[in-house]
Amino acid sequence: MIKRYNNQSFLFCIPGFIIQALAWDSSSVIDGLVFAIAGTALMVIGGGFYAKAKGRSMKWGLVGFAGILGVICLGLLQDRSGDPWNPPREPESALAYHNRGISHAKNGDFDAAITDYTEAIRLNPEYADAYFNRGVSHRKIGDFDAAITDYSESLRLNPEDAEAYHNRGVSHEQMGNRAEAETDYHRAKKLGYKP
């Protein structure tokens, strides 16, 4: 009878340990917690069989292995931003860079936003919204020449963008180019732009 319980304990503990190891390598906290809980459940069952094999109450095996769950969950919930084994991942698509750029801009980090918009444009040179938003960020930091260039490229790709005409007009006005500003404001109004 003891040998049977020992064998059963290994049948549960070894897969439980492997599944818990997957928890540490998972890409998200939620996935990690799922693996940790599943692995710990298997280890708790195996621990119960081991306790039974040694003639102890199964509850002691359960209590001992249940403590492992707490340690693993705490480890998974820690901030891993500085963890060399789990470095932050870079986006893989133009849309992801563009969206991260929007997030940077909303937080007032226009230089980081410009960097991400530039990477989005590198990945997709026809991405009108990335040019437009990079133009907005350039304008926010006072680089009106770059803003005008980006708005112009955005308009080349999407010539019906009333807001791009308006924003380019604002940049022209900031640089003292009143005639160009009026032309852009007029075109924006004609396309239905309302401030």
N, C-alpha and C. Protein backbone atom coordinates (compact mmCIF):
# COMPACT_ATOMS: atom_id res chain seq x y z
N MET A 1 0.83 -1.20 0.00
CA MET A 1 0.00 0.00 0.00
C MET A 1 0.87 1.26 0.00
N ILE A 2 1.97 1.25 0.76
CA ILE A 2 2.83 2.43 0.83
C ILE A 2 3.43 2.73 -0.54
N LYS A 3 3.89 1.68 -1.25
CA LYS A 3 4.50 1.89 -2.56
C LYS A 3 3.49 2.53 -3.52
N ARG A 4 2.23 2.10 -3.46
CA ARG A 4 1.21 2.67 -4.34
C ARG A 4 1.04 4.16 -4.08
N TYR A 5 0.99 4.58 -2.84
CA TYR A 5 0.84 5.99 -2.51
C TYR A 5 2.08 6.79 -2.93
N ASN A 6 3.28 6.19 -2.76
CA ASN A 6 4.50 6.87 -3.21
C ASN A 6 4.46 7.09 -4.72
N ASN A 7 4.07 6.06 -5.47
CA ASN A 7 4.00 6.19 -6.92
C ASN A 7 2.98 7.24 -7.32
N GLN A 8 1.84 7.25 -6.65
CA GLN A 8 0.82 8.24 -6.96
C GLN A 8 1.31 9.65 -6.63
N SER A 9 2.08 9.77 -5.58
CA SER A 9 2.58 11.11 -5.23
C SER A 9 3.50 11.63 -6.33
N PHE A 10 4.34 10.76 -6.91
CA PHE A 10 5.22 11.19 -7.98
C PHE A 10 4.44 11.49 -9.26
N LEU A 11 3.38 10.72 -9.50
CA LEU A 11 2.57 10.97 -10.70
C LEU A 11 1.92 12.35 -10.67
N PHE A 12 1.69 12.89 -9.50
CA PHE A 12 1.09 14.22 -9.39
C PHE A 12 2.16 15.31 -9.20
N CYS A 13 3.17 15.04 -8.39
CA CYS A 13 4.15 16.08 -8.05
C CYS A 13 5.02 16.48 -9.23
N ILE A 14 5.48 15.50 -10.01
CA ILE A 14 6.39 15.83 -11.12
C ILE A 14 5.68 16.69 -12.17
N PRO A 15 4.49 16.31 -12.67
CA PRO A 15 3.81 17.22 -13.61
C PRO A 15 3.48 18.57 -12.96
N GLY A 16 3.14 18.54 -11.68
CA GLY A 16 2.86 19.80 -10.98
C GLY A 16 4.06 20.71 -10.96
N PHE A 17 5.24 20.14 -10.72
CA PHE A 17 6.47 20.93 -10.71
C PHE A 17 6.74 21.51 -12.10
N ILE A 18 6.54 20.71 -13.14
CA ILE A 18 6.77 21.18 -14.51
C ILE A 18 5.81 22.32 -14.86
N ILE A 19 4.56 22.17 -14.48
CA ILE A 19 3.57 23.21 -14.78
C ILE A 19 3.91 24.49 -14.01
N GLN A 20 4.39 24.35 -12.77
CA GLN A 20 4.79 25.55 -12.03
C GLN A 20 5.99 26.22 -12.68
N ALA A 21 6.90 25.44 -13.25
CA ALA A 21 8.04 26.03 -13.95
C ALA A 21 7.56 26.85 -15.14
N LEU A 22 6.50 26.38 -15.81
CA LEU A 22 5.93 27.15 -16.92
C LEU A 22 5.38 28.49 -16.43
N ALA A 23 4.93 28.51 -15.19
CA ALA A 23 4.37 29.76 -14.65
C ALA A 23 5.43 30.84 -14.62
N TRP A 24 6.67 30.48 -14.32
CA TRP A 24 7.73 31.49 -14.24
C TRP A 24 8.12 32.00 -15.61
N ASP A 25 7.85 31.22 -16.66
CA ASP A 25 8.25 31.60 -18.01
C ASP A 25 7.10 32.20 -18.81
N SER A 26 5.95 32.36 -18.19
CA SER A 26 4.79 32.87 -18.92
C SER A 26 4.94 34.35 -19.19
N SER A 27 4.27 34.81 -20.26
CA SER A 27 4.41 36.20 -20.69
C SER A 27 3.50 37.15 -19.93
N SER A 28 2.47 36.64 -19.27
CA SER A 28 1.58 37.53 -18.55
C SER A 28 1.34 37.00 -17.14
N VAL A 29 0.97 37.89 -16.26
CA VAL A 29 0.71 37.51 -14.88
C VAL A 29 -0.46 36.54 -14.81
N ILE A 30 -1.50 36.78 -15.60
CA ILE A 30 -2.68 35.90 -15.58
C ILE A 30 -2.29 34.49 -15.99
N ASP A 31 -1.55 34.35 -17.09
CA ASP A 31 -1.10 33.01 -17.50
C ASP A 31 -0.25 32.38 -16.42
N GLY A 32 0.62 33.16 -15.83
CA GLY A 32 1.48 32.66 -14.76
C GLY A 32 0.68 32.16 -13.58
N LEU A 33 -0.34 32.90 -13.20
CA LEU A 33 -1.17 32.46 -12.06
C LEU A 33 -1.93 31.18 -12.39
N VAL A 34 -2.42 31.06 -13.61
CA VAL A 34 -3.13 29.84 -14.00
C VAL A 34 -2.20 28.64 -13.90
N PHE A 35 -0.99 28.77 -14.47
CA PHE A 35 -0.02 27.67 -14.38
C PHE A 35 0.35 27.39 -12.93
N ALA A 36 0.56 28.45 -12.14
CA ALA A 36 0.95 28.26 -10.74
C ALA A 36 -0.13 27.53 -9.96
N ILE A 37 -1.36 27.91 -10.16
CA ILE A 37 -2.46 27.28 -9.42
C ILE A 37 -2.63 25.83 -9.87
N ALA A 38 -2.58 25.58 -11.18
CA ALA A 38 -2.72 24.20 -11.67
C ALA A 38 -1.58 23.33 -11.17
N GLY A 39 -0.36 23.83 -11.28
CA GLY A 39 0.80 23.06 -10.81
C GLY A 39 0.74 22.80 -9.32
N THR A 40 0.35 23.81 -8.57
CA THR A 40 0.27 23.65 -7.12
C THR A 40 -0.82 22.67 -6.74
N ALA A 41 -1.94 22.69 -7.46
CA ALA A 41 -3.01 21.73 -7.18
C ALA A 41 -2.50 20.30 -7.35
N LEU A 42 -1.77 20.07 -8.43
CA LEU A 42 -1.22 18.74 -8.64
C LEU A 42 -0.22 18.38 -7.53
N MET A 43 0.59 19.33 -7.13
CA MET A 43 1.56 19.07 -6.07
C MET A 43 0.88 18.83 -4.73
N VAL A 44 -0.21 19.51 -4.48
CA VAL A 44 -0.96 19.30 -3.23
C VAL A 44 -1.52 17.89 -3.20
N ILE A 45 -2.07 17.45 -4.32
CA ILE A 45 -2.60 16.08 -4.38
C ILE A 45 -1.46 15.08 -4.17
N GLY A 46 -0.35 15.31 -4.88
CA GLY A 46 0.81 14.42 -4.70
C GLY A 46 1.32 14.45 -3.27
N GLY A 47 1.34 15.62 -2.66
CA GLY A 47 1.77 15.72 -1.27
C GLY A 47 0.86 14.96 -0.33
N GLY A 48 -0.42 14.96 -0.63
CA GLY A 48 -1.37 14.19 0.18
C GLY A 48 -1.09 12.71 0.09
N PHE A 49 -0.81 12.22 -1.13
CA PHE A 49 -0.49 10.80 -1.28
C PHE A 49 0.82 10.47 -0.56
N TYR A 50 1.79 11.37 -0.62
CA TYR A 50 3.06 11.13 0.06
C TYR A 50 2.84 11.06 1.57
N ALA A 51 2.05 11.98 2.09
CA ALA A 51 1.76 11.96 3.53
C ALA A 51 1.06 10.66 3.91
N LYS A 52 0.15 10.22 3.08
CA LYS A 52 -0.58 8.97 3.34
C LYS A 52 0.40 7.80 3.35
N ALA A 53 1.37 7.83 2.41
CA ALA A 53 2.35 6.75 2.34
C ALA A 53 3.23 6.71 3.58
N LYS A 54 3.48 7.84 4.19
CA LYS A 54 4.32 7.90 5.39
C LYS A 54 3.50 7.71 6.66
N GLY A 55 2.20 7.45 6.49
CA GLY A 55 1.36 7.19 7.64
C GLY A 55 0.85 8.44 8.34
N ARG A 56 0.97 9.56 7.71
CA ARG A 56 0.46 10.80 8.29
C ARG A 56 -0.89 11.13 7.66
N SER A 57 -1.57 12.04 8.27
CA SER A 57 -2.85 12.47 7.73
C SER A 57 -2.61 13.21 6.42
N MET A 58 -3.50 13.01 5.44
CA MET A 58 -3.36 13.68 4.15
C MET A 58 -3.44 15.19 4.29
N LYS A 59 -4.11 15.67 5.32
CA LYS A 59 -4.25 17.13 5.46
C LYS A 59 -2.90 17.81 5.66
N TRP A 60 -1.91 17.11 6.26
CA TRP A 60 -0.60 17.74 6.45
C TRP A 60 0.12 17.91 5.12
N GLY A 61 -0.07 16.96 4.23
CA GLY A 61 0.51 17.11 2.89
C GLY A 61 -0.13 18.27 2.15
N LEU A 62 -1.44 18.41 2.32
CA LEU A 62 -2.14 19.51 1.68
C LEU A 62 -1.70 20.85 2.22
N VAL A 63 -1.57 20.94 3.53
CA VAL A 63 -1.16 22.20 4.15
C VAL A 63 0.26 22.57 3.72
N GLY A 64 1.15 21.60 3.69
CA GLY A 64 2.54 21.88 3.31
C GLY A 64 2.66 22.39 1.89
N PHE A 65 1.98 21.72 0.97
CA PHE A 65 2.10 22.14 -0.43
C PHE A 65 1.25 23.37 -0.75
N ALA A 66 0.23 23.61 0.02
CA ALA A 66 -0.57 24.81 -0.22
C ALA A 66 0.26 26.06 0.02
N GLY A 67 1.23 25.98 0.93
CA GLY A 67 2.11 27.12 1.17
C GLY A 67 2.92 27.48 -0.06
N ILE A 68 3.22 26.49 -0.90
CA ILE A 68 3.98 26.75 -2.13
C ILE A 68 3.19 27.70 -3.03
N LEU A 69 1.88 27.52 -3.07
CA LEU A 69 1.04 28.38 -3.92
C LEU A 69 1.21 29.85 -3.55
N GLY A 70 1.22 30.15 -2.26
CA GLY A 70 1.38 31.54 -1.83
C GLY A 70 2.69 32.12 -2.30
N VAL A 71 3.77 31.36 -2.17
CA VAL A 71 5.09 31.84 -2.59
C VAL A 71 5.11 32.09 -4.09
N ILE A 72 4.57 31.17 -4.84
CA ILE A 72 4.58 31.33 -6.31
C ILE A 72 3.73 32.51 -6.72
N CYS A 73 2.54 32.64 -6.15
CA CYS A 73 1.66 33.76 -6.52
C CYS A 73 2.32 35.09 -6.19
N LEU A 74 2.96 35.19 -5.04
CA LEU A 74 3.66 36.44 -4.70
C LEU A 74 4.78 36.73 -5.68
N GLY A 75 5.51 35.69 -6.07
CA GLY A 75 6.59 35.87 -7.03
C GLY A 75 6.08 36.34 -8.38
N LEU A 76 4.93 35.82 -8.79
CA LEU A 76 4.38 36.21 -10.09
C LEU A 76 3.82 37.61 -10.08
N LEU A 77 3.37 38.05 -8.93
CA LEU A 77 2.76 39.37 -8.86
C LEU A 77 3.79 40.49 -8.71
N GLN A 78 5.05 40.14 -8.52
CA GLN A 78 6.06 41.18 -8.37
C GLN A 78 6.28 41.91 -9.68
N ASP A 79 6.80 43.11 -9.58
CA ASP A 79 7.10 43.91 -10.77
C ASP A 79 8.34 43.34 -11.43
N ARG A 80 8.22 42.91 -12.67
CA ARG A 80 9.35 42.31 -13.37
C ARG A 80 9.96 43.26 -14.40
N SER A 81 9.68 44.53 -14.29
CA SER A 81 10.16 45.45 -15.31
C SER A 81 11.68 45.51 -15.38
N GLY A 82 12.36 45.24 -14.27
CA GLY A 82 13.82 45.25 -14.29
C GLY A 82 14.41 43.86 -14.33
N ASP A 83 13.60 42.85 -14.54
CA ASP A 83 14.04 41.47 -14.52
C ASP A 83 14.75 41.13 -15.82
N PRO A 84 16.05 40.75 -15.77
CA PRO A 84 16.76 40.44 -17.02
C PRO A 84 16.23 39.18 -17.70
N TRP A 85 15.51 38.34 -16.96
CA TRP A 85 14.95 37.12 -17.54
C TRP A 85 13.61 37.38 -18.20
N ASN A 86 13.03 38.52 -17.94
CA ASN A 86 11.73 38.85 -18.52
C ASN A 86 11.74 40.31 -18.98
N PRO A 87 12.57 40.63 -20.00
CA PRO A 87 12.68 42.02 -20.44
C PRO A 87 11.39 42.50 -21.09
N PRO A 88 11.12 43.81 -21.04
CA PRO A 88 9.93 44.32 -21.72
C PRO A 88 10.05 44.05 -23.22
N ARG A 89 8.94 43.71 -23.82
CA ARG A 89 8.95 43.40 -25.24
C ARG A 89 8.66 44.64 -26.06
N GLU A 90 9.33 44.71 -27.20
CA GLU A 90 9.09 45.80 -28.15
C GLU A 90 7.91 45.42 -29.02
N PRO A 91 7.12 46.39 -29.42
CA PRO A 91 6.02 46.08 -30.34
C PRO A 91 6.57 45.52 -31.66
N GLU A 92 5.74 44.76 -32.34
CA GLU A 92 6.17 44.14 -33.58
C GLU A 92 5.47 44.72 -34.80
N SER A 93 4.52 45.61 -34.61
CA SER A 93 3.78 46.13 -35.76
C SER A 93 3.72 47.65 -35.72
N ALA A 94 3.45 48.22 -36.87
CA ALA A 94 3.32 49.68 -36.96
C ALA A 94 2.19 50.16 -36.06
N LEU A 95 1.10 49.42 -36.03
CA LEU A 95 -0.04 49.81 -35.19
C LEU A 95 0.35 49.83 -33.70
N ALA A 96 1.11 48.84 -33.28
CA ALA A 96 1.53 48.79 -31.87
C ALA A 96 2.43 49.98 -31.53
N TYR A 97 3.38 50.30 -32.40
CA TYR A 97 4.23 51.48 -32.16
C TYR A 97 3.39 52.75 -32.16
N HIS A 98 2.45 52.85 -33.11
CA HIS A 98 1.60 54.03 -33.18
C HIS A 98 0.79 54.19 -31.89
N ASN A 99 0.19 53.10 -31.43
CA ASN A 99 -0.61 53.17 -30.21
C ASN A 99 0.24 53.52 -28.99
N ARG A 100 1.46 52.97 -28.92
CA ARG A 100 2.34 53.33 -27.80
C ARG A 100 2.74 54.80 -27.90
N GLY A 101 2.92 55.29 -29.12
CA GLY A 101 3.22 56.71 -29.31
C GLY A 101 2.08 57.58 -28.80
N ILE A 102 0.85 57.18 -29.07
CA ILE A 102 -0.31 57.92 -28.58
C ILE A 102 -0.29 57.95 -27.05
N SER A 103 0.03 56.83 -26.44
CA SER A 103 0.10 56.75 -24.98
C SER A 103 1.18 57.70 -24.44
N HIS A 104 2.34 57.70 -25.08
CA HIS A 104 3.41 58.62 -24.65
C HIS A 104 2.95 60.08 -24.78
N ALA A 105 2.30 60.39 -25.88
CA ALA A 105 1.84 61.77 -26.10
C ALA A 105 0.81 62.18 -25.04
N LYS A 106 -0.10 61.27 -24.71
CA LYS A 106 -1.10 61.58 -23.68
C LYS A 106 -0.45 61.84 -22.33
N ASN A 107 0.70 61.21 -22.10
CA ASN A 107 1.43 61.42 -20.85
C ASN A 107 2.39 62.59 -20.93
N GLY A 108 2.40 63.29 -22.06
CA GLY A 108 3.25 64.47 -22.20
C GLY A 108 4.69 64.17 -22.60
N ASP A 109 5.00 62.92 -22.91
CA ASP A 109 6.36 62.55 -23.32
C ASP A 109 6.41 62.55 -24.85
N PHE A 110 6.52 63.76 -25.41
CA PHE A 110 6.43 63.92 -26.86
C PHE A 110 7.66 63.38 -27.59
N ASP A 111 8.83 63.41 -26.95
CA ASP A 111 10.01 62.85 -27.60
C ASP A 111 9.87 61.35 -27.78
N ALA A 112 9.38 60.66 -26.75
CA ALA A 112 9.16 59.21 -26.86
C ALA A 112 8.06 58.92 -27.88
N ALA A 113 7.04 59.77 -27.92
CA ALA A 113 5.96 59.60 -28.90
C ALA A 113 6.52 59.73 -30.31
N ILE A 114 7.35 60.72 -30.54
CA ILE A 114 7.95 60.92 -31.87
C ILE A 114 8.78 59.70 -32.27
N THR A 115 9.53 59.15 -31.32
CA THR A 115 10.33 57.96 -31.60
C THR A 115 9.45 56.80 -32.03
N ASP A 116 8.34 56.58 -31.32
CA ASP A 116 7.45 55.47 -31.68
C ASP A 116 6.72 55.72 -33.00
N TYR A 117 6.28 56.96 -33.23
CA TYR A 117 5.63 57.26 -34.52
C TYR A 117 6.62 57.04 -35.67
N THR A 118 7.86 57.42 -35.46
CA THR A 118 8.89 57.24 -36.49
C THR A 118 9.09 55.77 -36.79
N GLU A 119 9.09 54.93 -35.75
CA GLU A 119 9.23 53.49 -35.97
C GLU A 119 8.00 52.93 -36.69
N ALA A 120 6.83 53.42 -36.35
CA ALA A 120 5.61 52.99 -37.04
C ALA A 120 5.69 53.35 -38.53
N ILE A 121 6.20 54.53 -38.83
CA ILE A 121 6.35 54.97 -40.22
C ILE A 121 7.41 54.13 -40.94
N ARG A 122 8.48 53.77 -40.22
CA ARG A 122 9.50 52.91 -40.82
C ARG A 122 8.90 51.56 -41.22
N LEU A 123 8.04 51.02 -40.35
CA LEU A 123 7.41 49.73 -40.63
C LEU A 123 6.31 49.83 -41.69
N ASN A 124 5.66 51.00 -41.76
CA ASN A 124 4.58 51.20 -42.74
C ASN A 124 4.65 52.64 -43.24
N PRO A 125 5.40 52.88 -44.31
CA PRO A 125 5.59 54.25 -44.81
C PRO A 125 4.32 54.92 -45.31
N GLU A 126 3.24 54.18 -45.44
CA GLU A 126 1.97 54.74 -45.92
C GLU A 126 0.99 54.98 -44.77
N TYR A 127 1.48 55.07 -43.55
CA TYR A 127 0.65 55.18 -42.36
C TYR A 127 0.35 56.66 -42.08
N ALA A 128 -0.72 57.16 -42.67
CA ALA A 128 -1.07 58.59 -42.59
C ALA A 128 -1.27 59.05 -41.15
N ASP A 129 -1.93 58.24 -40.33
CA ASP A 129 -2.18 58.63 -38.93
C ASP A 129 -0.88 58.79 -38.14
N ALA A 130 0.10 57.97 -38.44
CA ALA A 130 1.39 58.09 -37.75
C ALA A 130 2.07 59.41 -38.11
N TYR A 131 2.00 59.80 -39.40
CA TYR A 131 2.55 61.11 -39.79
C TYR A 131 1.79 62.24 -39.10
N PHE A 132 0.47 62.12 -39.09
CA PHE A 132 -0.35 63.16 -38.47
C PHE A 132 0.00 63.31 -36.99
N ASN A 133 0.02 62.19 -36.26
CA ASN A 133 0.29 62.27 -34.82
C ASN A 133 1.72 62.68 -34.52
N ARG A 134 2.66 62.29 -35.37
CA ARG A 134 4.03 62.77 -35.17
C ARG A 134 4.07 64.27 -35.39
N GLY A 135 3.28 64.76 -36.36
CA GLY A 135 3.18 66.21 -36.57
C GLY A 135 2.64 66.92 -35.35
N VAL A 136 1.62 66.33 -34.72
CA VAL A 136 1.06 66.91 -33.50
C VAL A 136 2.13 67.00 -32.41
N SER A 137 2.90 65.92 -32.24
CA SER A 137 3.95 65.91 -31.22
C SER A 137 5.04 66.93 -31.53
N HIS A 138 5.42 67.03 -32.81
CA HIS A 138 6.42 68.03 -33.20
C HIS A 138 5.91 69.44 -32.87
N ARG A 139 4.63 69.67 -33.16
CA ARG A 139 4.06 70.99 -32.88
C ARG A 139 4.05 71.27 -31.38
N LYS A 140 3.76 70.26 -30.58
CA LYS A 140 3.70 70.44 -29.11
C LYS A 140 5.06 70.83 -28.54
N ILE A 141 6.14 70.34 -29.15
CA ILE A 141 7.47 70.71 -28.64
C ILE A 141 8.05 71.93 -29.37
N GLY A 142 7.26 72.52 -30.27
CA GLY A 142 7.68 73.76 -30.93
C GLY A 142 8.49 73.57 -32.20
N ASP A 143 8.57 72.36 -32.72
CA ASP A 143 9.31 72.11 -33.96
C ASP A 143 8.32 72.19 -35.13
N PHE A 144 8.00 73.44 -35.51
CA PHE A 144 6.94 73.67 -36.49
C PHE A 144 7.33 73.22 -37.90
N ASP A 145 8.61 73.34 -38.26
CA ASP A 145 9.04 72.86 -39.58
C ASP A 145 8.77 71.36 -39.72
N ALA A 146 9.15 70.59 -38.71
CA ALA A 146 8.93 69.14 -38.76
C ALA A 146 7.44 68.83 -38.75
N ALA A 147 6.68 69.61 -37.98
CA ALA A 147 5.23 69.40 -37.93
C ALA A 147 4.61 69.61 -39.31
N ILE A 148 5.01 70.69 -39.98
CA ILE A 148 4.48 70.98 -41.32
C ILE A 148 4.84 69.86 -42.29
N THR A 149 6.07 69.38 -42.21
CA THR A 149 6.50 68.27 -43.08
C THR A 149 5.63 67.04 -42.84
N ASP A 150 5.39 66.71 -41.56
CA ASP A 150 4.57 65.53 -41.25
C ASP A 150 3.12 65.71 -41.66
N TYR A 151 2.57 66.88 -41.42
CA TYR A 151 1.17 67.13 -41.86
C TYR A 151 1.07 67.05 -43.37
N SER A 152 2.06 67.55 -44.07
CA SER A 152 2.05 67.52 -45.53
C SER A 152 2.09 66.08 -46.04
N GLU A 153 2.91 65.24 -45.40
CA GLU A 153 2.98 63.84 -45.80
C GLU A 153 1.67 63.12 -45.48
N SER A 154 1.08 63.44 -44.35
CA SER A 154 -0.21 62.87 -43.98
C SER A 154 -1.27 63.26 -45.02
N LEU A 155 -1.23 64.50 -45.45
CA LEU A 155 -2.20 64.97 -46.46
C LEU A 155 -1.93 64.37 -47.83
N ARG A 156 -0.68 64.07 -48.14
CA ARG A 156 -0.39 63.38 -49.40
C ARG A 156 -1.06 62.01 -49.41
N LEU A 157 -1.03 61.34 -48.24
CA LEU A 157 -1.62 60.00 -48.13
C LEU A 157 -3.13 60.04 -47.93
N ASN A 158 -3.61 61.11 -47.32
CA ASN A 158 -5.05 61.24 -47.04
C ASN A 158 -5.46 62.69 -47.30
N PRO A 159 -5.67 63.07 -48.55
CA PRO A 159 -5.91 64.47 -48.91
C PRO A 159 -7.24 65.06 -48.42
N GLU A 160 -8.09 64.25 -47.84
CA GLU A 160 -9.38 64.74 -47.35
C GLU A 160 -9.41 64.94 -45.83
N ASP A 161 -8.26 64.95 -45.20
CA ASP A 161 -8.17 65.07 -43.73
C ASP A 161 -8.21 66.55 -43.33
N ALA A 162 -9.41 66.99 -42.98
CA ALA A 162 -9.60 68.41 -42.63
C ALA A 162 -8.77 68.81 -41.42
N GLU A 163 -8.65 67.94 -40.45
CA GLU A 163 -7.89 68.28 -39.24
C GLU A 163 -6.41 68.46 -39.54
N ALA A 164 -5.88 67.67 -40.46
CA ALA A 164 -4.47 67.83 -40.84
C ALA A 164 -4.24 69.19 -41.50
N TYR A 165 -5.20 69.62 -42.34
CA TYR A 165 -5.07 70.96 -42.94
C TYR A 165 -5.11 72.03 -41.85
N HIS A 166 -6.01 71.89 -40.91
CA HIS A 166 -6.12 72.86 -39.83
C HIS A 166 -4.82 72.91 -39.01
N ASN A 167 -4.34 71.75 -38.62
CA ASN A 167 -3.12 71.71 -37.79
C ASN A 167 -1.90 72.24 -38.55
N ARG A 168 -1.84 71.95 -39.85
CA ARG A 168 -0.73 72.50 -40.63
C ARG A 168 -0.86 74.02 -40.69
N GLY A 169 -2.11 74.51 -40.80
CA GLY A 169 -2.34 75.96 -40.77
C GLY A 169 -1.88 76.58 -39.46
N VAL A 170 -2.16 75.91 -38.35
CA VAL A 170 -1.70 76.41 -37.04
C VAL A 170 -0.18 76.48 -37.01
N SER A 171 0.48 75.45 -37.52
CA SER A 171 1.95 75.45 -37.53
C SER A 171 2.49 76.56 -38.42
N HIS A 172 1.88 76.77 -39.58
CA HIS A 172 2.29 77.87 -40.45
C HIS A 172 2.10 79.21 -39.73
N GLU A 173 0.98 79.35 -39.05
CA GLU A 173 0.72 80.60 -38.33
C GLU A 173 1.76 80.83 -37.23
N GLN A 174 2.13 79.79 -36.53
CA GLN A 174 3.14 79.90 -35.47
C GLN A 174 4.49 80.35 -36.04
N MET A 175 4.75 80.00 -37.30
CA MET A 175 6.01 80.38 -37.94
C MET A 175 5.92 81.73 -38.63
N GLY A 176 4.72 82.33 -38.63
CA GLY A 176 4.55 83.63 -39.27
C GLY A 176 4.20 83.56 -40.73
N ASN A 177 3.88 82.38 -41.23
CA ASN A 177 3.50 82.19 -42.64
C ASN A 177 1.99 82.37 -42.77
N ARG A 178 1.54 83.60 -42.70
CA ARG A 178 0.10 83.89 -42.65
C ARG A 178 -0.64 83.44 -43.90
N ALA A 179 -0.07 83.62 -45.08
CA ALA A 179 -0.75 83.24 -46.33
C ALA A 179 -0.96 81.72 -46.39
N GLU A 180 0.08 80.95 -46.06
CA GLU A 180 -0.05 79.49 -46.07
C GLU A 180 -1.06 79.03 -45.02
N ALA A 181 -1.05 79.70 -43.86
CA ALA A 181 -2.00 79.36 -42.80
C ALA A 181 -3.43 79.58 -43.28
N GLU A 182 -3.69 80.72 -43.91
CA GLU A 182 -5.04 81.02 -44.40
C GLU A 182 -5.49 80.00 -45.44
N THR A 183 -4.58 79.60 -46.32
CA THR A 183 -4.90 78.60 -47.34
C THR A 183 -5.31 77.28 -46.67
N ASP A 184 -4.53 76.86 -45.68
CA ASP A 184 -4.85 75.61 -44.99
C ASP A 184 -6.15 75.71 -44.18
N TYR A 185 -6.37 76.83 -43.52
CA TYR A 185 -7.61 77.02 -42.76
C TYR A 185 -8.83 76.96 -43.70
N HIS A 186 -8.69 77.62 -44.86
CA HIS A 186 -9.78 77.64 -45.83
C HIS A 186 -10.08 76.22 -46.32
N ARG A 187 -9.02 75.46 -46.63
CA ARG A 187 -9.21 74.09 -47.12
C ARG A 187 -9.84 73.22 -46.02
N ALA A 188 -9.41 73.39 -44.77
CA ALA A 188 -9.98 72.63 -43.66
C ALA A 188 -11.46 72.92 -43.50
N LYS A 189 -11.80 74.21 -43.58
CA LYS A 189 -13.21 74.61 -43.44
C LYS A 189 -14.05 74.03 -44.59
N LYS A 190 -13.50 74.05 -45.79
CA LYS A 190 -14.18 73.51 -46.96
C LYS A 190 -14.45 72.01 -46.81
N LEU A 191 -13.55 71.32 -46.12
CA LEU A 191 -13.72 69.87 -45.90
C LEU A 191 -14.60 69.58 -44.68
N GLY A 192 -15.05 70.64 -44.01
CA GLY A 192 -15.98 70.44 -42.88
C GLY A 192 -15.36 70.50 -41.52
N TYR A 193 -14.12 71.03 -41.41
CA TYR A 193 -13.50 71.09 -40.08
C TYR A 193 -14.19 72.14 -39.22
N LYS A 194 -14.51 71.75 -37.99
CA LYS A 194 -15.09 72.66 -37.02
C LYS A 194 -14.27 72.61 -35.75
N PRO A 195 -13.65 73.72 -35.36
CA PRO A 195 -12.82 73.74 -34.15
C PRO A 195 -13.61 73.49 -32.88
